[in-house]
């Protein structure tokens, strides 16, 4: 996969204020308000910054956390991980494997088969509905 490298000025021009806050400034949307939290349609969740395919609706589940949650990415290189020591906690940040944008965090309390919970911000994702044909 080709990596995307843009200046922060370029990202600011392309993203909404909320998207920029989440994707580029590592912000977090408030729980229970995300547009994709209750989405049950079949399809693919993509990075809102670059369109990289991240998660299939087949791996989405209701974690009760208030954010869209998945138990596996669509491929091994779809996402990258980085240690996050912000807010006095040690967590693992999930970033887009193509553009490096912040998506959310991963926690070891998800369902099988992975046991992982990819807790994502709706504002970091776009949804591409699968054709019903």
C-alpha atoms as a PDB file:
ATOM      1  CA  UNK A   1       0.000   0.000   0.000  1.00  0.00           C
ATOM      2  CA  UNK A   2       1.312   3.440  -0.917  1.00  0.00           C
ATOM      3  CA  UNK A   3       1.633   5.766   2.068  1.00  0.00           C
ATOM      4  CA  UNK A   4       0.076   9.232   1.942  1.00  0.00           C
ATOM      5  CA  UNK A   5       2.111  12.121   3.303  1.00  0.00           C
ATOM      6  CA  UNK A   6       0.498  15.547   3.370  1.00  0.00           C
ATOM      7  CA  UNK A   7       1.213  18.696   5.311  1.00  0.00           C
ATOM      8  CA  UNK A   8      -1.115  19.651   8.127  1.00  0.00           C
ATOM      9  CA  UNK A   9      -2.187  22.641   6.024  1.00  0.00           C
ATOM     10  CA  UNK A  10      -3.281  20.272   3.247  1.00  0.00           C
ATOM     11  CA  UNK A  11      -5.223  18.135   5.744  1.00  0.00           C
ATOM     12  CA  UNK A  12      -6.915  21.251   7.194  1.00  0.00           C
ATOM     13  CA  UNK A  13      -8.165  22.197   3.730  1.00  0.00           C
ATOM     14  CA  UNK A  14      -9.554  18.709   3.022  1.00  0.00           C
ATOM     15  CA  UNK A  15     -11.135  17.734   6.341  1.00  0.00           C
ATOM     16  CA  UNK A  16     -13.981  19.240   8.337  1.00  0.00           C
ATOM     17  CA  UNK A  17     -13.070  20.870  11.646  1.00  0.00           C
ATOM     18  CA  UNK A  18     -14.318  17.833  13.592  1.00  0.00           C
ATOM     19  CA  UNK A  19     -12.515  15.380  11.311  1.00  0.00           C
ATOM     20  CA  UNK A  20      -9.277  17.341  11.616  1.00  0.00           C
ATOM     21  CA  UNK A  21      -9.606  17.379  15.410  1.00  0.00           C
ATOM     22  CA  UNK A  22     -10.088  13.596  15.553  1.00  0.00           C
ATOM     23  CA  UNK A  23      -7.878  12.395  12.713  1.00  0.00           C
ATOM     24  CA  UNK A  24      -4.937  14.784  12.917  1.00  0.00           C
ATOM     25  CA  UNK A  25      -5.005  16.134  16.490  1.00  0.00           C
ATOM     26  CA  UNK A  26      -5.834  12.742  18.056  1.00  0.00           C
ATOM     27  CA  UNK A  27      -9.133  13.960  19.456  1.00  0.00           C
ATOM     28  CA  UNK A  28     -12.017  11.841  20.700  1.00  0.00           C
ATOM     29  CA  UNK A  29     -15.678  12.441  20.023  1.00  0.00           C
ATOM     30  CA  UNK A  30     -18.104  12.194  22.931  1.00  0.00           C
ATOM     31  CA  UNK A  31     -19.563   8.704  23.446  1.00  0.00           C
ATOM     32  CA  UNK A  32     -23.019   7.769  22.141  1.00  0.00           C
ATOM     33  CA  UNK A  33     -23.194  10.575  19.540  1.00  0.00           C
ATOM     34  CA  UNK A  34     -21.279   9.152  16.563  1.00  0.00           C
ATOM     35  CA  UNK A  35     -23.203   8.791  13.315  1.00  0.00           C
ATOM     36  CA  UNK A  36     -21.908   5.256  12.732  1.00  0.00           C
ATOM     37  CA  UNK A  37     -22.452   3.877  16.243  1.00  0.00           C
ATOM     38  CA  UNK A  38     -25.840   2.308  15.449  1.00  0.00           C
ATOM     39  CA  UNK A  39     -25.135   1.535  11.769  1.00  0.00           C
ATOM     40  CA  UNK A  40     -26.107  -2.059  11.001  1.00  0.00           C
ATOM     41  CA  UNK A  41     -25.802  -1.921   7.191  1.00  0.00           C
ATOM     42  CA  UNK A  42     -23.420  -4.283   5.399  1.00  0.00           C
ATOM     43  CA  UNK A  43     -20.349  -2.691   3.898  1.00  0.00           C
ATOM     44  CA  UNK A  44     -16.873  -1.312   4.507  1.00  0.00           C
ATOM     45  CA  UNK A  45     -15.665   1.324   6.970  1.00  0.00           C
ATOM     46  CA  UNK A  46     -12.948   3.518   5.467  1.00  0.00           C
ATOM     47  CA  UNK A  47     -10.548   6.148   6.809  1.00  0.00           C
ATOM     48  CA  UNK A  48     -12.302   9.513   6.495  1.00  0.00           C
ATOM     49  CA  UNK A  49      -8.991  11.165   5.603  1.00  0.00           C
ATOM     50  CA  UNK A  50      -7.729   8.929   2.786  1.00  0.00           C
ATOM     51  CA  UNK A  51     -10.349   6.278   1.945  1.00  0.00           C
ATOM     52  CA  UNK A  52      -8.217   3.344   3.111  1.00  0.00           C
ATOM     53  CA  UNK A  53     -10.442   0.314   3.792  1.00  0.00           C
ATOM     54  CA  UNK A  54     -10.212  -0.419   7.513  1.00  0.00           C
ATOM     55  CA  UNK A  55     -13.050  -2.635   8.786  1.00  0.00           C
ATOM     56  CA  UNK A  56     -15.804  -4.833   7.415  1.00  0.00           C
ATOM     57  CA  UNK A  57     -19.290  -4.597   8.872  1.00  0.00           C
ATOM     58  CA  UNK A  58     -18.899  -8.342   9.507  1.00  0.00           C
ATOM     59  CA  UNK A  59     -16.503  -7.557  12.386  1.00  0.00           C
ATOM     60  CA  UNK A  60     -18.535  -4.699  13.923  1.00  0.00           C
ATOM     61  CA  UNK A  61     -20.280  -5.389  17.232  1.00  0.00           C
ATOM     62  CA  UNK A  62     -22.018  -3.546  20.060  1.00  0.00           C
ATOM     63  CA  UNK A  63     -19.404  -3.194  22.788  1.00  0.00           C
ATOM     64  CA  UNK A  64     -21.553  -0.947  24.962  1.00  0.00           C
ATOM     65  CA  UNK A  65     -18.692   1.596  25.007  1.00  0.00           C
ATOM     66  CA  UNK A  66     -20.464   4.362  23.079  1.00  0.00           C
ATOM     67  CA  UNK A  67     -18.170   4.187  20.041  1.00  0.00           C
ATOM     68  CA  UNK A  68     -18.230   1.933  16.959  1.00  0.00           C
ATOM     69  CA  UNK A  69     -16.287  -1.221  17.822  1.00  0.00           C
ATOM     70  CA  UNK A  70     -14.738  -3.951  15.689  1.00  0.00           C
ATOM     71  CA  UNK A  71     -12.872  -7.134  16.580  1.00  0.00           C
ATOM     72  CA  UNK A  72     -10.517  -7.204  13.559  1.00  0.00           C
ATOM     73  CA  UNK A  73      -9.298  -4.881  10.811  1.00  0.00           C
ATOM     74  CA  UNK A  74      -9.962  -5.769   7.174  1.00  0.00           C
ATOM     75  CA  UNK A  75      -6.274  -6.649   6.628  1.00  0.00           C
ATOM     76  CA  UNK A  76      -3.052  -6.767   8.638  1.00  0.00           C
ATOM     77  CA  UNK A  77      -1.683  -3.569   7.081  1.00  0.00           C
ATOM     78  CA  UNK A  78      -4.939  -1.569   7.206  1.00  0.00           C
ATOM     79  CA  UNK A  79      -4.006  -0.105  10.600  1.00  0.00           C
ATOM     80  CA  UNK A  80      -0.864   0.694  12.565  1.00  0.00           C
ATOM     81  CA  UNK A  81      -0.360   0.900  16.311  1.00  0.00           C
ATOM     82  CA  UNK A  82       1.441   3.356  18.564  1.00  0.00           C
ATOM     83  CA  UNK A  83       1.862   3.582  22.342  1.00  0.00           C
ATOM     84  CA  UNK A  84      -0.282   6.408  23.744  1.00  0.00           C
ATOM     85  CA  UNK A  85       0.673   7.833  27.153  1.00  0.00           C
ATOM     86  CA  UNK A  86      -1.782  10.751  27.123  1.00  0.00           C
ATOM     87  CA  UNK A  87      -4.126  11.610  30.009  1.00  0.00           C
ATOM     88  CA  UNK A  88      -2.039   9.630  32.525  1.00  0.00           C
ATOM     89  CA  UNK A  89      -2.930   6.299  30.892  1.00  0.00           C
ATOM     90  CA  UNK A  90      -1.010   3.821  28.783  1.00  0.00           C
ATOM     91  CA  UNK A  91      -3.075   2.713  25.812  1.00  0.00           C
ATOM     92  CA  UNK A  92      -2.504   1.572  22.254  1.00  0.00           C
ATOM     93  CA  UNK A  93      -3.530   4.061  19.608  1.00  0.00           C
ATOM     94  CA  UNK A  94      -4.893   2.770  16.289  1.00  0.00           C
ATOM     95  CA  UNK A  95      -3.819   4.745  13.222  1.00  0.00           C
ATOM     96  CA  UNK A  96      -4.635   4.429   9.540  1.00  0.00           C
ATOM     97  CA  UNK A  97      -2.022   2.266   7.838  1.00  0.00           C
ATOM     98  CA  UNK A  98      -1.999   4.512   4.768  1.00  0.00           C
ATOM     99  CA  UNK A  99      -2.070   8.112   6.056  1.00  0.00           C
ATOM    100  CA  UNK A 100      -1.237   7.757   9.759  1.00  0.00           C
ATOM    101  CA  UNK A 101      -4.419   9.473  10.933  1.00  0.00           C
ATOM    102  CA  UNK A 102      -5.729   8.751  14.440  1.00  0.00           C
ATOM    103  CA  UNK A 103      -8.748   6.424  14.451  1.00  0.00           C
ATOM    104  CA  UNK A 104      -9.157   5.377  18.078  1.00  0.00           C
ATOM    105  CA  UNK A 105      -7.679   2.811  20.480  1.00  0.00           C
ATOM    106  CA  UNK A 106      -7.493  -0.968  20.850  1.00  0.00           C
ATOM    107  CA  UNK A 107      -8.321  -2.820  24.067  1.00  0.00           C
ATOM    108  CA  UNK A 108      -7.937  -6.528  24.981  1.00  0.00           C
ATOM    109  CA  UNK A 109     -11.586  -7.010  26.010  1.00  0.00           C
ATOM    110  CA  UNK A 110     -13.248  -7.809  22.687  1.00  0.00           C
ATOM    111  CA  UNK A 111     -15.040 -10.938  21.493  1.00  0.00           C
ATOM    112  CA  UNK A 112     -13.471 -13.969  19.894  1.00  0.00           C
ATOM    113  CA  UNK A 113     -11.894 -14.795  17.555  1.00  0.00           C
ATOM    114  CA  UNK A 114      -9.423 -11.935  18.220  1.00  0.00           C
ATOM    115  CA  UNK A 115     -10.332 -10.914  21.777  1.00  0.00           C
ATOM    116  CA  UNK A 116      -9.646  -7.322  20.705  1.00  0.00           C
ATOM    117  CA  UNK A 117     -11.883  -4.239  20.755  1.00  0.00           C
ATOM    118  CA  UNK A 118     -10.978  -1.663  18.138  1.00  0.00           C
ATOM    119  CA  UNK A 119     -12.802   1.332  19.620  1.00  0.00           C
ATOM    120  CA  UNK A 120     -13.099   3.865  16.785  1.00  0.00           C
ATOM    121  CA  UNK A 121     -14.364   7.424  16.435  1.00  0.00           C
ATOM    122  CA  UNK A 122     -17.279   7.739  13.967  1.00  0.00           C
ATOM    123  CA  UNK A 123     -15.731  11.004  12.797  1.00  0.00           C
ATOM    124  CA  UNK A 124     -12.617   9.118  11.696  1.00  0.00           C
ATOM    125  CA  UNK A 125     -14.627   6.784   9.465  1.00  0.00           C
ATOM    126  CA  UNK A 126     -16.669   6.852   6.282  1.00  0.00           C
ATOM    127  CA  UNK A 127     -19.046   4.008   5.488  1.00  0.00           C
ATOM    128  CA  UNK A 128     -19.392   2.487   2.033  1.00  0.00           C
ATOM    129  CA  UNK A 129     -22.612   0.444   1.865  1.00  0.00           C
ATOM    130  CA  UNK A 130     -22.423  -2.895   0.076  1.00  0.00           C
ATOM    131  CA  UNK A 131     -24.614  -3.244  -2.998  1.00  0.00           C
ATOM    132  CA  UNK A 132     -27.571  -5.520  -2.345  1.00  0.00           C
ATOM    133  CA  UNK A 133     -27.311  -7.083  -5.835  1.00  0.00           C
END
